[in-house]
Every structure is written in structure tokens, then in C-alpha cells.
Amino acid sequence: QNFHLKIAEKCPNNRDHLILSIDPRNVLSLMSPLLLTAGFIERAVEVVISPWRDAGATKFENRLDALKAQVPIADATTIEFADAEFQEYKGKTQQYAFCASMSFSLAAAYVGVRALWPFVDHTTFEKLGGNQQWMFLVVDVVLSAALLAGGADGIHSVINAFTTFFDTTAQKAQQSANAPKS
């Protein structure tokens, strides 16, 4: 059974509405390109960031470990300062990784790895005005890029939410259909 989601009954310019059609049996296959691409992006970010930042991280980590090994000699303030420097370095690395991930993700979404497009009812999409079509594609690219940049685990949780919702809805519908009529 397909679920249809109307985005709006009538859009502000009195154009037709857009329908997203979701068949629970196909959610995984439709979302698989996103999941796979997110995994590739995660690996690509590691490849780009690791040679550039790993040596610095190792230096900070080794210094912190050496200070912790000298606990009776090293004072707590020195250890805390070294830990703060290490955490700041890791935070900066995460910022760089996010920028790289978002760049790769925007490129992937731009060329067609999209979150919403596979669910669009193309008949209703074609009836939309040009501005609505363009805006939908922009929103789809930005949303897709954000999902991709969030990584494979995030997309996996979206897939799980979809399947759980549809399974629960189907069970409730079945229970209603089997309930004794009064």
C-alpha cells in the first residue's frame, strides 16, 4: 500500500499541489543511494583530513599521555591545559571535516543523489509552476546535502523511522479491519 503526502492543498499562487508517494516496501531501495553515498563521503573525508591533521592530533595525545603518566610530578593544571589544547585541536579538525563533508554532500546532491526526489509523484510535479519546481529542487538539494553530511548512521536512522512508522500504521490498519463491528 502506498502512502501519499500532499505538501499543500493549494500553493500560494493557486498552482496544483505536490504529492510525495511512499511505498513502504521500496523505502530501503530508494534510500540506498543516499546511504551508500554517505558512506563514501565519510571515507573520502577521512582520506582528505587524516594526512593533514593526524600528526598534530598524535602530538597532542602523546603529550597528554606523557603528562598523565607522571601524575605525582605533573600538576593537575598542566594536565588540564594539555587536555584543553587537545580537545580544541580535535574540535577544529571536526570543523574542517564538516566543511569537507558538506562540500562533498552538496556536490553529490547537485548531481542527483537526492532524498525527496525518489518519492515525488512526477505527474503532479510537472503541473507545478517553474518557480515551485525550481524551489523544490533547491530544498531537495540542501536537505539531501544535510542528510549526506550527517553520515550513514543518520540516514540509517531515517530509514528505520520510516519503516517503523509504516509497520505500525499497517498493524493499526489491520487491527481496525479485524476489529468486530458494533
Protein backbone atom coordinates (compact mmCIF):
# COMPACT_ATOMS: atom_id res chain seq x y z
CA GLN A 1 0.00 0.00 0.00
CA ASN A 2 1.34 3.44 -0.95
CA PHE A 3 1.14 6.40 1.37
CA HIS A 4 0.56 9.76 -0.28
CA LEU A 5 1.61 13.01 1.33
CA LYS A 6 0.22 16.24 -0.06
CA ILE A 7 2.68 19.05 0.52
CA ALA A 8 -0.09 21.69 0.28
CA GLU A 9 -3.72 21.63 -0.85
CA LYS A 10 -3.20 24.75 -2.93
CA CYS A 11 0.07 26.58 -3.11
CA PRO A 12 0.12 30.36 -2.59
CA ASN A 13 -0.03 31.09 -6.32
CA ASN A 14 -3.04 28.73 -6.77
CA ARG A 15 -0.97 26.14 -8.58
CA ASP A 16 -1.53 22.45 -8.07
CA HIS A 17 -0.12 20.68 -5.06
CA LEU A 18 2.81 18.31 -4.99
CA ILE A 19 2.34 14.73 -3.88
CA LEU A 20 5.06 12.56 -2.41
CA SER A 21 4.24 8.90 -2.85
CA ILE A 22 5.87 6.46 -0.46
CA ASP A 23 5.63 2.70 -0.85
CA PRO A 24 6.96 1.22 2.42
CA ARG A 25 8.26 -1.82 0.54
CA ASN A 26 10.54 0.43 -1.56
CA VAL A 27 11.86 2.84 1.09
CA LEU A 28 15.10 0.94 1.61
CA SER A 29 15.85 0.59 -2.09
CA LEU A 30 15.02 4.26 -2.72
CA MET A 31 17.18 5.43 0.20
CA SER A 32 20.09 3.07 -0.55
CA PRO A 33 21.86 5.51 -2.89
CA LEU A 34 21.86 8.08 -0.06
CA LEU A 35 23.17 5.52 2.42
CA LEU A 36 25.90 4.33 0.08
CA THR A 37 26.93 7.86 -0.90
CA ALA A 38 27.06 8.94 2.75
CA GLY A 39 29.41 6.04 3.45
CA PHE A 40 31.62 7.07 0.52
CA ILE A 41 31.63 10.67 1.73
CA GLU A 42 32.60 9.63 5.26
CA ARG A 43 35.54 7.68 3.88
CA ALA A 44 36.55 10.49 1.50
CA VAL A 45 36.58 12.96 4.39
CA GLU A 46 38.85 10.61 6.36
CA VAL A 47 41.19 10.37 3.37
CA VAL A 48 41.30 14.16 2.99
CA ILE A 49 41.56 15.08 6.68
CA SER A 50 43.76 12.30 8.12
CA PRO A 51 47.08 13.10 6.42
CA TRP A 52 46.63 16.74 7.23
CA ARG A 53 45.51 16.55 10.88
CA ASP A 54 46.54 13.14 12.31
CA ALA A 55 50.16 14.12 13.04
CA GLY A 56 49.05 17.09 15.13
CA ALA A 57 46.48 15.03 16.99
CA THR A 58 49.10 12.37 17.76
CA LYS A 59 51.43 15.04 19.10
CA PHE A 60 48.77 16.43 21.46
CA GLU A 61 47.67 12.94 22.53
CA ASN A 62 51.24 11.80 23.24
CA ARG A 63 51.92 14.93 25.30
CA LEU A 64 48.75 14.39 27.33
CA ASP A 65 49.55 10.70 27.87
CA ALA A 66 53.08 11.55 28.99
CA LEU A 67 51.77 14.08 31.49
CA LYS A 68 49.19 11.62 32.84
CA ALA A 69 51.96 9.02 33.29
CA GLN A 70 53.78 11.50 35.54
CA VAL A 71 50.77 12.18 37.77
CA PRO A 72 52.66 12.63 41.01
CA ILE A 73 55.07 15.03 39.28
CA ALA A 74 52.79 16.79 36.79
CA ASP A 75 50.24 19.07 38.39
CA ALA A 76 46.55 18.91 37.56
CA THR A 77 46.58 22.36 35.92
CA THR A 78 49.24 21.29 33.41
CA ILE A 79 47.28 18.13 32.55
CA GLU A 80 44.03 20.10 32.22
CA PHE A 81 45.74 22.65 29.96
CA ALA A 82 47.20 19.90 27.75
CA ASP A 83 43.78 18.21 27.58
CA ALA A 84 42.10 21.52 26.68
CA GLU A 85 44.62 22.07 23.85
CA PHE A 86 44.00 18.54 22.57
CA GLN A 87 40.21 18.99 22.70
CA GLU A 88 40.49 22.32 20.88
CA TYR A 89 42.60 20.70 18.17
CA LYS A 90 40.06 17.88 17.78
CA GLY A 91 37.22 20.42 17.64
CA LYS A 92 38.97 22.33 14.87
CA THR A 93 39.50 19.06 12.99
CA GLN A 94 35.77 18.33 13.29
CA GLN A 95 35.02 21.75 11.80
CA TYR A 96 37.31 21.03 8.86
CA ALA A 97 35.73 17.60 8.43
CA PHE A 98 32.25 19.13 8.46
CA CYS A 99 33.22 21.62 5.75
CA ALA A 100 34.72 18.86 3.61
CA SER A 101 31.70 16.60 4.20
CA MET A 102 29.23 19.37 3.38
CA SER A 103 31.15 20.21 0.19
CA PHE A 104 31.16 16.58 -0.97
CA SER A 105 27.50 16.25 0.03
CA LEU A 106 26.40 19.36 -1.87
CA ALA A 107 28.21 18.09 -4.95
CA ALA A 108 26.55 14.67 -4.65
CA ALA A 109 23.10 16.18 -4.14
CA TYR A 110 23.62 18.59 -7.03
CA VAL A 111 24.39 15.76 -9.44
CA GLY A 112 21.33 13.79 -8.36
CA VAL A 113 21.75 11.85 -5.10
CA ARG A 114 18.57 13.16 -3.50
CA ALA A 115 16.37 12.46 -0.50
CA LEU A 116 12.94 13.68 -1.66
CA TRP A 117 13.07 13.29 -5.45
CA PRO A 118 12.61 9.48 -5.45
CA PHE A 119 9.28 9.96 -3.66
CA VAL A 120 7.88 12.68 -5.94
CA ASP A 121 4.77 11.94 -7.95
CA HIS A 122 6.12 13.19 -11.28
CA THR A 123 2.66 13.88 -12.73
CA THR A 124 1.91 16.43 -10.01
CA PHE A 125 5.47 17.81 -10.19
CA GLU A 126 5.07 18.59 -13.89
CA LYS A 127 1.90 20.58 -13.11
CA LEU A 128 3.74 22.88 -10.73
CA GLY A 129 4.90 26.27 -11.90
CA GLY A 130 8.53 26.70 -12.86
CA ASN A 131 9.36 28.61 -9.66
CA GLN A 132 7.82 25.89 -7.49
CA GLN A 133 9.71 23.18 -9.34
CA TRP A 134 12.95 25.11 -9.00
CA MET A 135 12.37 25.80 -5.28
CA PHE A 136 11.51 22.16 -4.62
CA LEU A 137 14.77 21.09 -6.28
CA VAL A 138 16.76 23.64 -4.22
CA VAL A 139 15.15 22.40 -1.00
CA ASP A 140 15.78 18.80 -2.04
CA VAL A 141 19.47 19.51 -2.78
CA VAL A 142 20.00 21.34 0.54
CA LEU A 143 18.10 18.74 2.58
CA SER A 144 19.88 15.89 0.81
CA ALA A 145 23.27 17.51 1.40
CA ALA A 146 22.50 17.92 5.09
CA LEU A 147 21.46 14.27 5.38
CA LEU A 148 24.55 13.10 3.49
CA ALA A 149 26.86 15.29 5.58
CA GLY A 150 25.30 13.78 8.71
CA GLY A 151 26.65 10.40 7.67
CA ALA A 152 25.38 6.91 7.05
CA ASP A 153 24.20 6.43 10.65
CA GLY A 154 21.87 9.42 10.36
CA ILE A 155 20.37 8.16 7.11
CA HIS A 156 20.02 4.68 8.61
CA SER A 157 18.02 6.19 11.50
CA VAL A 158 15.76 7.98 8.98
CA ILE A 159 15.16 4.69 7.17
CA ASN A 160 14.39 2.99 10.50
CA ALA A 161 11.94 5.76 11.40
CA PHE A 162 10.19 5.35 8.04
CA THR A 163 9.90 1.59 8.29
CA THR A 164 8.81 1.68 11.94
CA PHE A 165 6.12 4.26 11.16
CA PHE A 166 4.79 2.31 8.20
CA ASP A 167 4.88 -1.01 10.04
CA THR A 168 2.98 0.49 12.97
CA THR A 169 0.46 2.17 10.67
CA ALA A 170 -0.10 -1.07 8.75
CA GLN A 171 -0.58 -3.01 12.02
CA LYS A 172 -3.13 -0.46 13.27
CA ALA A 173 -4.99 -0.59 9.96
CA GLN A 174 -5.04 -4.39 10.12
CA GLN A 175 -6.28 -4.32 13.72
CA SER A 176 -9.04 -1.86 12.76
CA ALA A 177 -10.06 -4.03 9.83
CA ASN A 178 -10.18 -7.14 12.06
CA ALA A 179 -11.96 -5.43 14.95
CA PRO A 180 -15.55 -6.57 15.49
CA LYS A 181 -18.08 -4.12 14.07
CA SER A 182 -20.62 -2.82 16.55
